[in-house]
Amino acid sequence: MKKVILAVFTIVTLLAVGCHSSIKVGDTSYKKSDAKAGLAIYDVGGKCTKCHKPKPVDSFTPERWTGILSKMIPKAKLDDHEASLVTAYVMTHAKKG
């Protein structure tokens, strides 16, 4: 019985951690689910590709992305929620270093 309880506890813990997993970039943590949703806006959704092809996100560091996003978010007419999702996507996939 103890093995069953331990197994159930382990599975529940892993599910809870997996659902709320995040990626830390610098001092900021981004939810993996937000980053995934940001990809849909950045690439698939077309808001960031109306005027140009999508840039490979790992071509720029998080610091460089901060400057790029500050200029491109208004041009793409992203609302605050969309902007946070795109930011999560590019920051979590940005070039390290």
Protein backbone atom coordinates (compact mmCIF):
# COMPACT_ATOMS: atom_id res chain seq x y z
CA MET A 1 0.00 0.00 0.00
CA LYS A 2 2.86 2.37 0.81
CA LYS A 3 4.29 1.83 -2.69
CA VAL A 4 0.96 2.78 -4.29
CA ILE A 5 0.67 5.92 -2.20
CA LEU A 6 4.26 6.88 -3.00
CA ALA A 7 3.69 6.27 -6.71
CA VAL A 8 0.53 8.38 -6.75
CA PHE A 9 2.26 11.16 -4.81
CA THR A 10 5.19 11.11 -7.25
CA ILE A 11 2.92 11.29 -10.31
CA VAL A 12 0.85 14.14 -8.85
CA THR A 13 4.00 16.06 -7.95
CA LEU A 14 5.48 15.63 -11.41
CA LEU A 15 2.26 16.76 -13.05
CA ALA A 16 2.05 19.82 -10.81
CA VAL A 17 5.64 20.81 -11.53
CA GLY A 18 5.24 20.18 -15.26
CA CYS A 19 2.14 22.33 -15.53
CA HIS A 20 3.78 25.28 -13.85
CA SER A 21 7.24 24.92 -15.26
CA SER A 22 9.07 28.05 -16.17
CA ILE A 23 12.32 29.15 -17.72
CA LYS A 24 14.45 31.78 -16.03
CA VAL A 25 16.22 34.33 -18.23
CA GLY A 26 18.27 36.78 -16.25
CA ASP A 27 16.06 37.98 -13.39
CA THR A 28 12.80 37.08 -15.13
CA SER A 29 10.96 33.75 -15.23
CA TYR A 30 8.73 32.91 -18.18
CA LYS A 31 6.11 30.17 -18.24
CA LYS A 32 6.74 27.50 -20.85
CA SER A 33 3.07 27.70 -21.84
CA ASP A 34 3.42 31.45 -22.49
CA ALA A 35 6.49 30.85 -24.63
CA LYS A 36 4.62 28.23 -26.65
CA ALA A 37 1.69 30.61 -27.16
CA GLY A 38 4.15 33.34 -28.14
CA LEU A 39 5.43 31.19 -31.00
CA ALA A 40 1.95 31.18 -32.50
CA ILE A 41 1.93 34.98 -32.56
CA TYR A 42 5.56 35.38 -33.57
CA ASP A 43 5.66 32.92 -36.43
CA VAL A 44 2.42 31.13 -37.20
CA GLY A 45 -0.08 33.90 -36.40
CA GLY A 46 1.47 36.34 -38.81
CA LYS A 47 1.48 39.42 -36.58
CA CYS A 48 5.26 39.50 -36.57
CA THR A 49 5.60 38.36 -40.16
CA LYS A 50 3.34 40.81 -41.97
CA CYS A 51 6.33 42.87 -43.08
CA HIS A 52 9.25 40.43 -42.94
CA LYS A 53 10.21 36.81 -42.42
CA PRO A 54 10.60 35.74 -38.81
CA LYS A 55 14.10 36.15 -37.45
CA PRO A 56 15.67 33.05 -35.90
CA VAL A 57 15.19 33.84 -32.20
CA ASP A 58 18.50 32.26 -31.25
CA SER A 59 20.34 34.80 -33.41
CA PHE A 60 20.07 37.48 -30.72
CA THR A 61 20.76 37.68 -26.99
CA PRO A 62 17.99 38.62 -24.53
CA GLU A 63 19.51 42.08 -24.25
CA ARG A 64 19.33 42.59 -28.01
CA TRP A 65 15.78 41.22 -28.11
CA THR A 66 14.74 43.84 -25.56
CA GLY A 67 15.67 46.58 -28.03
CA ILE A 68 14.14 44.79 -31.00
CA LEU A 69 10.86 44.11 -29.20
CA SER A 70 10.54 47.69 -27.96
CA LYS A 71 10.49 48.82 -31.59
CA MET A 72 8.58 45.95 -33.20
CA ILE A 73 5.74 45.39 -30.72
CA PRO A 74 4.09 48.75 -31.52
CA LYS A 75 4.59 48.21 -35.28
CA ALA A 76 2.94 44.78 -35.07
CA LYS A 77 0.11 46.33 -33.02
CA LEU A 78 0.36 43.68 -30.31
CA ASP A 79 -1.79 44.18 -27.24
CA ASP A 80 -0.18 43.80 -23.80
CA HIS A 81 -1.04 40.11 -23.52
CA GLU A 82 0.29 39.28 -27.00
CA ALA A 83 3.43 41.30 -26.27
CA SER A 84 4.08 39.34 -23.07
CA LEU A 85 3.64 36.02 -24.90
CA VAL A 86 5.99 36.99 -27.74
CA THR A 87 8.49 38.29 -25.20
CA ALA A 88 8.33 34.97 -23.34
CA TYR A 89 8.92 33.09 -26.60
CA VAL A 90 11.91 35.07 -27.84
CA MET A 91 13.55 35.40 -24.43
CA THR A 92 13.36 31.70 -23.64
CA HIS A 93 14.84 30.81 -27.02
CA ALA A 94 17.36 33.65 -27.31
CA LYS A 95 21.07 33.12 -27.81
CA LYS A 96 22.78 32.39 -24.54
CA GLY A 97 25.60 34.60 -23.46
